[in-house]
Structure formats: C-alpha cells, structure tokens
C-alpha cells in the first residue's frame, strides 16, 4: 500500500550513531601509524630502515587496515615533537626513503608508495610548522613595535608634563630671584654694572624658557609658532653694547637719564 510505504520511509528507528572510534579498522590503522612514527623517532645509531619496511609490509597485508593511511596521526605526532626529535625524525625518514628507492633492497611497490607518502607528508608538516613559527614571530615583532610606540608616546607625555612644569617653575622662580637681586643691588652697584647684570639675566632666562618650550613641541612632533627669540636677543645685545659703550666713555648723561627715568631713583 502507498500509505504503508510512506510510513516506512518516514519511520525513524532508534539506532545509536556511528562513532569512528568504534571502528576496528580505524583503531588498527591509527595504532600502526603511531608505531611507525615512534620507530622513525628512534636514535640514529639504533635505527634500522629494515624494521620499518617490515612493519609497513605487515600493515599492507593486514585485512583490518583502512584503504588509506591516516595523515592526521602523522601530523599530530610531528607537531608534538621537540626540535631535536624532529631533526632525528627527518634524518630517519630520509634514510627510509633512500633505502626503499634502492633496487638492491627489493622493497615492494605498495610499500614504496606508503614510504613516499610518509616522507612527503612529513615535509608538508615541517613546512606548516615553519610557516606558523614565521607568522607567530611576525606577530610578536608587530606587537613589539606597537608596544614601543605606545611606550614612547607615554614617555613623551611625561616629558611634556615635566617640561611644562619646569618651564613654569623656572620662569616664576627666576623672575622672583631676578627682581629680588635687582632691588637688593640697586644701591650698592653702579648703574652700568646693574644694567649689564639685568640684561644678561634676562637673556639667559628668556632663551632657557624658549629652548624648553621648543623641546617640548619637538618631541611631540608638533610645529608650533613661538615668539621671535632673535628679536629679543638683538634687543638684549643692543642694550649691552649701549651700556658698555657708555661705561667705557664715562657718559654721565646716560647714568643721570636712567636714574631720573626709574621711579625709585627720583
């Protein structure tokens, strides 16, 4: 009946899902692949290619094997090896390949195919490991560069803050010290010496603050237009030349003019 056939098609039977680990052929092939890999990891002085060839022959003749070898088991085994063990494996598998290709050893065609596949897959796994290491090294290098840039940025911010603070303190303390020194020495020193001292201190203080501010902008990669320091330096130089010339030629009129000009000299 059509209805009965439809019910049979739609009917679900309570069967347990098939798990690959329950397959005897899979387990046998997996176990043999691990044995072959372990034999290829032996020390070179104990290693004998004939033993591997016999193991592969026994694997080929076994009815419990899968039709293809398990490349995943070879890859997992190679990935788990350390650098030194990996080098021993490379040497042994190369010896095995050369031994199988030598016609004097009479290695079967099927055995040669499996040996070539193992050798080729080992080279592929090594290439994948090297690529992964290169990618990891490149990512670490990029992270280093980014971290260094961030550290430099933080250092620049700290230096900027300290520089601004130092500039403010220097300007404030220097201005107070400058004014105090002038007021204390106004009666003891001559007008020419006092003016030269004032001019020199003003030159040093202005240039120091200018250099600090410019340094702060430079380390932060900023191009700010500051005041023209050259004009101030020329003014200080002209004042110094006028004062020194008046002092050398004893121009009393200049001293009297400056004394009358200053409010505290009247």
C-alpha atoms as a PDB file:
ATOM      1  CA  UNK A   1       0.000   0.000   0.000  1.00  0.00           C
ATOM      2  CA  UNK A   2       1.172   3.532  -0.688  1.00  0.00           C
ATOM      3  CA  UNK A   3       0.422   4.678   2.838  1.00  0.00           C
ATOM      4  CA  UNK A   4       2.387   1.791   4.356  1.00  0.00           C
ATOM      5  CA  UNK A   5       5.357   2.541   2.126  1.00  0.00           C
ATOM      6  CA  UNK A   6       5.258   6.204   3.144  1.00  0.00           C
ATOM      7  CA  UNK A   7       5.172   5.270   6.814  1.00  0.00           C
ATOM      8  CA  UNK A   8       8.198   3.016   6.335  1.00  0.00           C
ATOM      9  CA  UNK A   9      10.110   5.837   4.728  1.00  0.00           C
ATOM     10  CA  UNK A  10       9.213   8.330   7.438  1.00  0.00           C
ATOM     11  CA  UNK A  11       9.665   5.862  10.296  1.00  0.00           C
ATOM     12  CA  UNK A  12      12.743   6.598  12.471  1.00  0.00           C
ATOM     13  CA  UNK A  13      14.477   3.747  14.172  1.00  0.00           C
ATOM     14  CA  UNK A  14      16.247   4.180  17.482  1.00  0.00           C
ATOM     15  CA  UNK A  15      19.800   3.393  16.464  1.00  0.00           C
ATOM     16  CA  UNK A  16      22.957   4.585  18.101  1.00  0.00           C
ATOM     17  CA  UNK A  17      25.013   6.966  15.912  1.00  0.00           C
ATOM     18  CA  UNK A  18      28.140   5.512  14.395  1.00  0.00           C
ATOM     19  CA  UNK A  19      31.339   6.721  16.064  1.00  0.00           C
ATOM     20  CA  UNK A  20      34.612   6.453  14.162  1.00  0.00           C
ATOM     21  CA  UNK A  21      36.493   5.449  17.330  1.00  0.00           C
ATOM     22  CA  UNK A  22      34.381   2.276  17.462  1.00  0.00           C
ATOM     23  CA  UNK A  23      35.737   1.098  14.123  1.00  0.00           C
ATOM     24  CA  UNK A  24      38.324  -1.674  14.473  1.00  0.00           C
ATOM     25  CA  UNK A  25      39.926  -0.765  11.140  1.00  0.00           C
ATOM     26  CA  UNK A  26      40.309   2.851  12.219  1.00  0.00           C
ATOM     27  CA  UNK A  27      41.836   1.896  15.562  1.00  0.00           C
ATOM     28  CA  UNK A  28      44.198  -0.597  13.929  1.00  0.00           C
ATOM     29  CA  UNK A  29      45.357   1.924  11.316  1.00  0.00           C
ATOM     30  CA  UNK A  30      45.782   4.603  13.966  1.00  0.00           C
ATOM     31  CA  UNK A  31      47.813   2.264  16.149  1.00  0.00           C
ATOM     32  CA  UNK A  32      50.053   1.218  13.244  1.00  0.00           C
ATOM     33  CA  UNK A  33      50.684   4.820  12.195  1.00  0.00           C
ATOM     34  CA  UNK A  34      51.762   5.666  15.732  1.00  0.00           C
ATOM     35  CA  UNK A  35      54.077   2.637  15.839  1.00  0.00           C
ATOM     36  CA  UNK A  36      55.704   3.641  12.553  1.00  0.00           C
ATOM     37  CA  UNK A  37      56.168   7.237  13.745  1.00  0.00           C
ATOM     38  CA  UNK A  38      57.694   6.068  17.034  1.00  0.00           C
ATOM     39  CA  UNK A  39      60.057   3.775  15.152  1.00  0.00           C
ATOM     40  CA  UNK A  40      61.128   6.732  12.986  1.00  0.00           C
ATOM     41  CA  UNK A  41      61.874   8.742  16.156  1.00  0.00           C
ATOM     42  CA  UNK A  42      64.490   6.290  17.441  1.00  0.00           C
ATOM     43  CA  UNK A  43      68.083   7.382  17.820  1.00  0.00           C
ATOM     44  CA  UNK A  44      70.007   7.206  14.568  1.00  0.00           C
ATOM     45  CA  UNK A  45      72.506   4.621  15.891  1.00  0.00           C
ATOM     46  CA  UNK A  46      69.636   2.272  16.873  1.00  0.00           C
ATOM     47  CA  UNK A  47      67.542   2.993  13.804  1.00  0.00           C
ATOM     48  CA  UNK A  48      67.212   0.331  11.106  1.00  0.00           C
ATOM     49  CA  UNK A  49      65.121   1.011   7.940  1.00  0.00           C
ATOM     50  CA  UNK A  50      64.531  -2.731   7.510  1.00  0.00           C
ATOM     51  CA  UNK A  51      62.393  -2.797  10.653  1.00  0.00           C
ATOM     52  CA  UNK A  52      60.148  -0.022   9.315  1.00  0.00           C
ATOM     53  CA  UNK A  53      59.840  -1.788   5.961  1.00  0.00           C
ATOM     54  CA  UNK A  54      58.753  -5.000   7.716  1.00  0.00           C
ATOM     55  CA  UNK A  55      56.182  -3.073   9.776  1.00  0.00           C
ATOM     56  CA  UNK A  56      54.763  -1.446   6.668  1.00  0.00           C
ATOM     57  CA  UNK A  57      54.619  -4.828   4.865  1.00  0.00           C
ATOM     58  CA  UNK A  58      52.723  -6.305   7.794  1.00  0.00           C
ATOM     59  CA  UNK A  59      50.354  -3.334   7.734  1.00  0.00           C
ATOM     60  CA  UNK A  60      49.708  -3.776   3.993  1.00  0.00           C
ATOM     61  CA  UNK A  61      49.000  -7.484   4.365  1.00  0.00           C
ATOM     62  CA  UNK A  62      46.608  -6.985   7.278  1.00  0.00           C
ATOM     63  CA  UNK A  63      42.881  -7.226   6.401  1.00  0.00           C
ATOM     64  CA  UNK A  64      41.984  -4.896   9.307  1.00  0.00           C
ATOM     65  CA  UNK A  65      43.577  -1.766   7.834  1.00  0.00           C
ATOM     66  CA  UNK A  66      41.854   1.183   6.181  1.00  0.00           C
ATOM     67  CA  UNK A  67      42.326   1.760   2.482  1.00  0.00           C
ATOM     68  CA  UNK A  68      44.355   4.906   3.145  1.00  0.00           C
ATOM     69  CA  UNK A  69      46.867   5.832   5.824  1.00  0.00           C
ATOM     70  CA  UNK A  70      45.865   8.372   8.455  1.00  0.00           C
ATOM     71  CA  UNK A  71      47.788  11.559   7.667  1.00  0.00           C
ATOM     72  CA  UNK A  72      46.278  13.275  10.691  1.00  0.00           C
ATOM     73  CA  UNK A  73      48.055  10.861  13.033  1.00  0.00           C
ATOM     74  CA  UNK A  74      51.385  11.599  11.356  1.00  0.00           C
ATOM     75  CA  UNK A  75      50.778  15.351  11.591  1.00  0.00           C
ATOM     76  CA  UNK A  76      49.754  15.214  15.253  1.00  0.00           C
ATOM     77  CA  UNK A  77      52.801  13.141  16.093  1.00  0.00           C
ATOM     78  CA  UNK A  78      55.198  15.507  14.276  1.00  0.00           C
ATOM     79  CA  UNK A  79      53.602  18.597  15.840  1.00  0.00           C
ATOM     80  CA  UNK A  80      54.145  17.135  19.300  1.00  0.00           C
ATOM     81  CA  UNK A  81      57.875  16.576  18.751  1.00  0.00           C
ATOM     82  CA  UNK A  82      60.530  18.932  20.044  1.00  0.00           C
ATOM     83  CA  UNK A  83      63.083  20.472  17.696  1.00  0.00           C
ATOM     84  CA  UNK A  84      65.758  17.862  18.406  1.00  0.00           C
ATOM     85  CA  UNK A  85      63.352  14.914  17.998  1.00  0.00           C
ATOM     86  CA  UNK A  86      62.037  16.461  14.817  1.00  0.00           C
ATOM     87  CA  UNK A  87      65.542  16.501  13.392  1.00  0.00           C
ATOM     88  CA  UNK A  88      66.024  12.808  14.247  1.00  0.00           C
ATOM     89  CA  UNK A  89      62.688  12.007  12.580  1.00  0.00           C
ATOM     90  CA  UNK A  90      63.769  13.914   9.444  1.00  0.00           C
ATOM     91  CA  UNK A  91      67.060  12.010   9.255  1.00  0.00           C
ATOM     92  CA  UNK A  92      65.418   8.615   9.753  1.00  0.00           C
ATOM     93  CA  UNK A  93      62.602   9.163   7.285  1.00  0.00           C
ATOM     94  CA  UNK A  94      65.119  10.294   4.677  1.00  0.00           C
ATOM     95  CA  UNK A  95      67.178   7.150   5.255  1.00  0.00           C
ATOM     96  CA  UNK A  96      63.997   5.103   4.920  1.00  0.00           C
ATOM     97  CA  UNK A  97      63.160   6.753   1.594  1.00  0.00           C
ATOM     98  CA  UNK A  98      66.665   6.177   0.214  1.00  0.00           C
ATOM     99  CA  UNK A  99      66.581   2.583   1.403  1.00  0.00           C
ATOM    100  CA  UNK A 100      63.231   1.943  -0.321  1.00  0.00           C
ATOM    101  CA  UNK A 101      64.364   3.550  -3.590  1.00  0.00           C
ATOM    102  CA  UNK A 102      67.465   1.371  -3.763  1.00  0.00           C
ATOM    103  CA  UNK A 103      66.622  -1.537  -6.086  1.00  0.00           C
ATOM    104  CA  UNK A 104      69.072  -3.807  -4.263  1.00  0.00           C
ATOM    105  CA  UNK A 105      66.792  -3.852  -1.205  1.00  0.00           C
ATOM    106  CA  UNK A 106      63.803  -5.213  -3.182  1.00  0.00           C
ATOM    107  CA  UNK A 107      61.146  -3.081  -1.458  1.00  0.00           C
ATOM    108  CA  UNK A 108      57.614  -3.687  -2.772  1.00  0.00           C
ATOM    109  CA  UNK A 109      55.778  -1.084  -4.860  1.00  0.00           C
ATOM    110  CA  UNK A 110      52.967  -0.627  -2.321  1.00  0.00           C
ATOM    111  CA  UNK A 111      55.485  -0.256   0.482  1.00  0.00           C
ATOM    112  CA  UNK A 112      57.385   2.359  -1.539  1.00  0.00           C
ATOM    113  CA  UNK A 113      54.165   4.308  -2.071  1.00  0.00           C
ATOM    114  CA  UNK A 114      53.452   4.433   1.663  1.00  0.00           C
ATOM    115  CA  UNK A 115      57.060   5.429   2.449  1.00  0.00           C
ATOM    116  CA  UNK A 116      56.932   8.211  -0.136  1.00  0.00           C
ATOM    117  CA  UNK A 117      53.592   9.392   1.286  1.00  0.00           C
ATOM    118  CA  UNK A 118      55.009   9.422   4.836  1.00  0.00           C
ATOM    119  CA  UNK A 119      58.103  11.331   3.674  1.00  0.00           C
ATOM    120  CA  UNK A 120      56.056  13.815   1.657  1.00  0.00           C
ATOM    121  CA  UNK A 121      53.598  14.406   4.481  1.00  0.00           C
ATOM    122  CA  UNK A 122      56.459  14.913   6.920  1.00  0.00           C
ATOM    123  CA  UNK A 123      57.892  17.639   4.664  1.00  0.00           C
ATOM    124  CA  UNK A 124      54.454  19.232   4.433  1.00  0.00           C
ATOM    125  CA  UNK A 125      54.078  19.195   8.232  1.00  0.00           C
ATOM    126  CA  UNK A 126      57.543  20.741   8.680  1.00  0.00           C
ATOM    127  CA  UNK A 127      56.646  23.457   6.187  1.00  0.00           C
ATOM    128  CA  UNK A 128      53.424  24.176   8.078  1.00  0.00           C
ATOM    129  CA  UNK A 129      55.328  24.388  11.366  1.00  0.00           C
ATOM    130  CA  UNK A 130      57.854  26.808   9.873  1.00  0.00           C
ATOM    131  CA  UNK A 131      55.081  28.968   8.403  1.00  0.00           C
ATOM    132  CA  UNK A 132      53.275  29.010  11.730  1.00  0.00           C
ATOM    133  CA  UNK A 133      56.506  29.977  13.513  1.00  0.00           C
ATOM    134  CA  UNK A 134      57.150  32.744  10.987  1.00  0.00           C
ATOM    135  CA  UNK A 135      53.636  34.094  11.394  1.00  0.00           C
ATOM    136  CA  UNK A 136      53.970  33.918  15.180  1.00  0.00           C
ATOM    137  CA  UNK A 137      57.368  35.665  15.067  1.00  0.00           C
ATOM    138  CA  UNK A 138      55.977  38.360  12.763  1.00  0.00           C
ATOM    139  CA  UNK A 139      53.010  38.941  15.086  1.00  0.00           C
ATOM    140  CA  UNK A 140      55.368  39.210  18.070  1.00  0.00           C
ATOM    141  CA  UNK A 141      57.524  41.712  16.169  1.00  0.00           C
ATOM    142  CA  UNK A 142      54.451  43.778  15.285  1.00  0.00           C
ATOM    143  CA  UNK A 143      53.335  43.678  18.905  1.00  0.00           C
ATOM    144  CA  UNK A 144      56.819  44.837  19.975  1.00  0.00           C
ATOM    145  CA  UNK A 145      56.741  47.749  17.550  1.00  0.00           C
ATOM    146  CA  UNK A 146      53.263  48.799  18.684  1.00  0.00           C
ATOM    147  CA  UNK A 147      54.259  48.471  22.333  1.00  0.00           C
ATOM    148  CA  UNK A 148      57.407  50.546  21.776  1.00  0.00           C
ATOM    149  CA  UNK A 149      55.343  53.217  20.048  1.00  0.00           C
ATOM    150  CA  UNK A 150      52.905  53.283  22.952  1.00  0.00           C
ATOM    151  CA  UNK A 151      55.760  53.474  25.460  1.00  0.00           C
ATOM    152  CA  UNK A 152      57.356  56.314  23.510  1.00  0.00           C
ATOM    153  CA  UNK A 153      54.020  58.117  23.446  1.00  0.00           C
ATOM    154  CA  UNK A 154      53.678  57.767  27.226  1.00  0.00           C
ATOM    155  CA  UNK A 155      57.284  58.916  27.711  1.00  0.00           C
ATOM    156  CA  UNK A 156      56.634  61.945  25.546  1.00  0.00           C
ATOM    157  CA  UNK A 157      53.582  62.838  27.600  1.00  0.00           C
ATOM    158  CA  UNK A 158      55.534  62.554  30.852  1.00  0.00           C
ATOM    159  CA  UNK A 159      58.406  64.609  29.451  1.00  0.00           C
ATOM    160  CA  UNK A 160      55.949  67.211  28.197  1.00  0.00           C
ATOM    161  CA  UNK A 161      54.290  67.489  31.589  1.00  0.00           C
ATOM    162  CA  UNK A 162      57.632  67.709  33.383  1.00  0.00           C
ATOM    163  CA  UNK A 163      58.919  70.214  30.816  1.00  0.00           C
ATOM    164  CA  UNK A 164      55.907  72.462  31.166  1.00  0.00           C
ATOM    165  CA  UNK A 165      56.142  72.271  34.940  1.00  0.00           C
ATOM    166  CA  UNK A 166      59.877  73.033  34.829  1.00  0.00           C
ATOM    167  CA  UNK A 167      59.309  75.978  32.492  1.00  0.00           C
ATOM    168  CA  UNK A 168      56.664  77.450  34.776  1.00  0.00           C
ATOM    169  CA  UNK A 169      58.788  76.947  37.886  1.00  0.00           C
ATOM    170  CA  UNK A 170      61.871  78.364  36.182  1.00  0.00           C
ATOM    171  CA  UNK A 171      60.017  81.406  34.917  1.00  0.00           C
ATOM    172  CA  UNK A 172      58.366  82.032  38.272  1.00  0.00           C
ATOM    173  CA  UNK A 173      61.430  81.443  40.462  1.00  0.00           C
ATOM    174  CA  UNK A 174      63.751  83.160  38.003  1.00  0.00           C
ATOM    175  CA  UNK A 175      61.525  86.210  37.825  1.00  0.00           C
ATOM    176  CA  UNK A 176      61.301  86.488  41.603  1.00  0.00           C
ATOM    177  CA  UNK A 177      65.050  85.926  42.056  1.00  0.00           C
ATOM    178  CA  UNK A 178      65.770  88.384  39.274  1.00  0.00           C
ATOM    179  CA  UNK A 179      63.603  91.098  40.824  1.00  0.00           C
ATOM    180  CA  UNK A 180      64.980  90.449  44.305  1.00  0.00           C
ATOM    181  CA  UNK A 181      68.588  90.638  43.110  1.00  0.00           C
ATOM    182  CA  UNK A 182      67.948  93.894  41.288  1.00  0.00           C
ATOM    183  CA  UNK A 183      66.258  95.503  44.254  1.00  0.00           C
ATOM    184  CA  UNK A 184      68.973  94.381  46.686  1.00  0.00           C
ATOM    185  CA  UNK A 185      71.839  95.569  44.489  1.00  0.00           C
ATOM    186  CA  UNK A 186      70.373  98.806  43.282  1.00  0.00           C
ATOM    187  CA  UNK A 187      72.137 100.928  45.901  1.00  0.00           C
ATOM    188  CA  UNK A 188      75.437  99.033  46.064  1.00  0.00           C
ATOM    189  CA  UNK A 189      76.389  98.729  42.379  1.00  0.00           C
ATOM    190  CA  UNK A 190      76.853 101.303  39.683  1.00  0.00           C
ATOM    191  CA  UNK A 191      74.084 101.808  37.171  1.00  0.00           C
ATOM    192  CA  UNK A 192      76.172 100.338  34.342  1.00  0.00           C
ATOM    193  CA  UNK A 193      77.022  97.126  36.191  1.00  0.00           C
ATOM    194  CA  UNK A 194      73.433  96.789  37.319  1.00  0.00           C
ATOM    195  CA  UNK A 195      72.112  97.210  33.788  1.00  0.00           C
ATOM    196  CA  UNK A 196      74.594  94.671  32.376  1.00  0.00           C
ATOM    197  CA  UNK A 197      73.632  92.152  35.035  1.00  0.00           C
ATOM    198  CA  UNK A 198      69.942  92.684  34.379  1.00  0.00           C
ATOM    199  CA  UNK A 199      70.460  92.407  30.635  1.00  0.00           C
ATOM    200  CA  UNK A 200      72.498  89.201  30.936  1.00  0.00           C
ATOM    201  CA  UNK A 201      70.000  87.556  33.314  1.00  0.00           C
ATOM    202  CA  UNK A 202      67.108  88.487  31.043  1.00  0.00           C
ATOM    203  CA  UNK A 203      68.966  87.000  28.046  1.00  0.00           C
ATOM    204  CA  UNK A 204      69.642  83.707  29.867  1.00  0.00           C
ATOM    205  CA  UNK A 205      66.135  83.410  31.298  1.00  0.00           C
ATOM    206  CA  UNK A 206      64.330  84.141  28.007  1.00  0.00           C
ATOM    207  CA  UNK A 207      66.482  81.737  25.978  1.00  0.00           C
ATOM    208  CA  UNK A 208      66.206  78.963  28.565  1.00  0.00           C
ATOM    209  CA  UNK A 209      62.417  79.133  28.600  1.00  0.00           C
ATOM    210  CA  UNK A 210      62.352  79.297  24.800  1.00  0.00           C
ATOM    211  CA  UNK A 211      64.552  76.192  24.456  1.00  0.00           C
ATOM    212  CA  UNK A 212      62.435  74.226  26.942  1.00  0.00           C
ATOM    213  CA  UNK A 213      59.165  75.112  25.208  1.00  0.00           C
ATOM    214  CA  UNK A 214      60.600  74.337  21.761  1.00  0.00           C
ATOM    215  CA  UNK A 215      61.947  70.995  23.004  1.00  0.00           C
ATOM    216  CA  UNK A 216      58.501  70.051  24.322  1.00  0.00           C
ATOM    217  CA  UNK A 217      56.888  70.777  20.943  1.00  0.00           C
ATOM    218  CA  UNK A 218      59.654  68.933  19.062  1.00  0.00           C
ATOM    219  CA  UNK A 219      59.399  65.630  20.989  1.00  0.00           C
ATOM    220  CA  UNK A 220      55.624  65.678  20.457  1.00  0.00           C
ATOM    221  CA  UNK A 221      56.038  66.157  16.687  1.00  0.00           C
ATOM    222  CA  UNK A 222      54.244  69.481  16.735  1.00  0.00           C
ATOM    223  CA  UNK A 223      55.171  72.559  14.758  1.00  0.00           C
ATOM    224  CA  UNK A 224      54.056  75.474  16.882  1.00  0.00           C
ATOM    225  CA  UNK A 225      54.835  79.097  16.045  1.00  0.00           C
ATOM    226  CA  UNK A 226      56.683  80.541  19.007  1.00  0.00           C
ATOM    227  CA  UNK A 227      57.679  84.135  19.627  1.00  0.00           C
ATOM    228  CA  UNK A 228      60.633  85.540  17.717  1.00  0.00           C
ATOM    229  CA  UNK A 229      63.571  84.898  20.005  1.00  0.00           C
ATOM    230  CA  UNK A 230      66.003  86.553  17.594  1.00  0.00           C
ATOM    231  CA  UNK A 231      64.416  89.971  18.081  1.00  0.00           C
ATOM    232  CA  UNK A 232      64.648  89.703  21.866  1.00  0.00           C
ATOM    233  CA  UNK A 233      68.284  88.592  21.642  1.00  0.00           C
ATOM    234  CA  UNK A 234      69.101  91.561  19.393  1.00  0.00           C
ATOM    235  CA  UNK A 235      67.410  93.918  21.861  1.00  0.00           C
ATOM    236  CA  UNK A 236      69.472  92.444  24.731  1.00  0.00           C
ATOM    237  CA  UNK A 237      72.644  92.741  22.644  1.00  0.00           C
ATOM    238  CA  UNK A 238      71.953  96.377  21.701  1.00  0.00           C
ATOM    239  CA  UNK A 239      71.254  97.266  25.339  1.00  0.00           C
ATOM    240  CA  UNK A 240      74.504  95.572  26.386  1.00  0.00           C
ATOM    241  CA  UNK A 241      76.508  97.448  23.701  1.00  0.00           C
ATOM    242  CA  UNK A 242      74.987 100.802  24.679  1.00  0.00           C
ATOM    243  CA  UNK A 243      75.649 100.214  28.386  1.00  0.00           C
ATOM    244  CA  UNK A 244      79.240  99.012  27.817  1.00  0.00           C
ATOM    245  CA  UNK A 245      79.967 101.969  25.476  1.00  0.00           C
ATOM    246  CA  UNK A 246      78.577 104.457  27.965  1.00  0.00           C
ATOM    247  CA  UNK A 247      80.560 102.798  30.731  1.00  0.00           C
ATOM    248  CA  UNK A 248      83.820 102.911  28.779  1.00  0.00           C
ATOM    249  CA  UNK A 249      83.410 106.509  27.683  1.00  0.00           C
ATOM    250  CA  UNK A 250      82.035 107.602  31.072  1.00  0.00           C
ATOM    251  CA  UNK A 251      78.917 109.176  29.668  1.00  0.00           C
ATOM    252  CA  UNK A 252      77.386 110.615  32.801  1.00  0.00           C
ATOM    253  CA  UNK A 253      74.353 111.939  30.988  1.00  0.00           C
ATOM    254  CA  UNK A 254      73.168 108.373  30.378  1.00  0.00           C
ATOM    255  CA  UNK A 255      73.549 107.495  34.043  1.00  0.00           C
ATOM    256  CA  UNK A 256      71.646 110.617  35.095  1.00  0.00           C
ATOM    257  CA  UNK A 257      68.955 109.981  32.464  1.00  0.00           C
ATOM    258  CA  UNK A 258      68.429 106.385  33.610  1.00  0.00           C
ATOM    259  CA  UNK A 259      68.450 107.390  37.280  1.00  0.00           C
ATOM    260  CA  UNK A 260      65.779 110.037  36.640  1.00  0.00           C
ATOM    261  CA  UNK A 261      63.796 107.621  34.421  1.00  0.00           C
ATOM    262  CA  UNK A 262      63.472 104.928  37.079  1.00  0.00           C
ATOM    263  CA  UNK A 263      60.657 105.714  39.535  1.00  0.00           C
ATOM    264  CA  UNK A 264      62.683 104.660  42.583  1.00  0.00           C
ATOM    265  CA  UNK A 265      65.639 106.813  41.502  1.00  0.00           C
ATOM    266  CA  UNK A 266      63.722 110.081  41.780  1.00  0.00           C
END
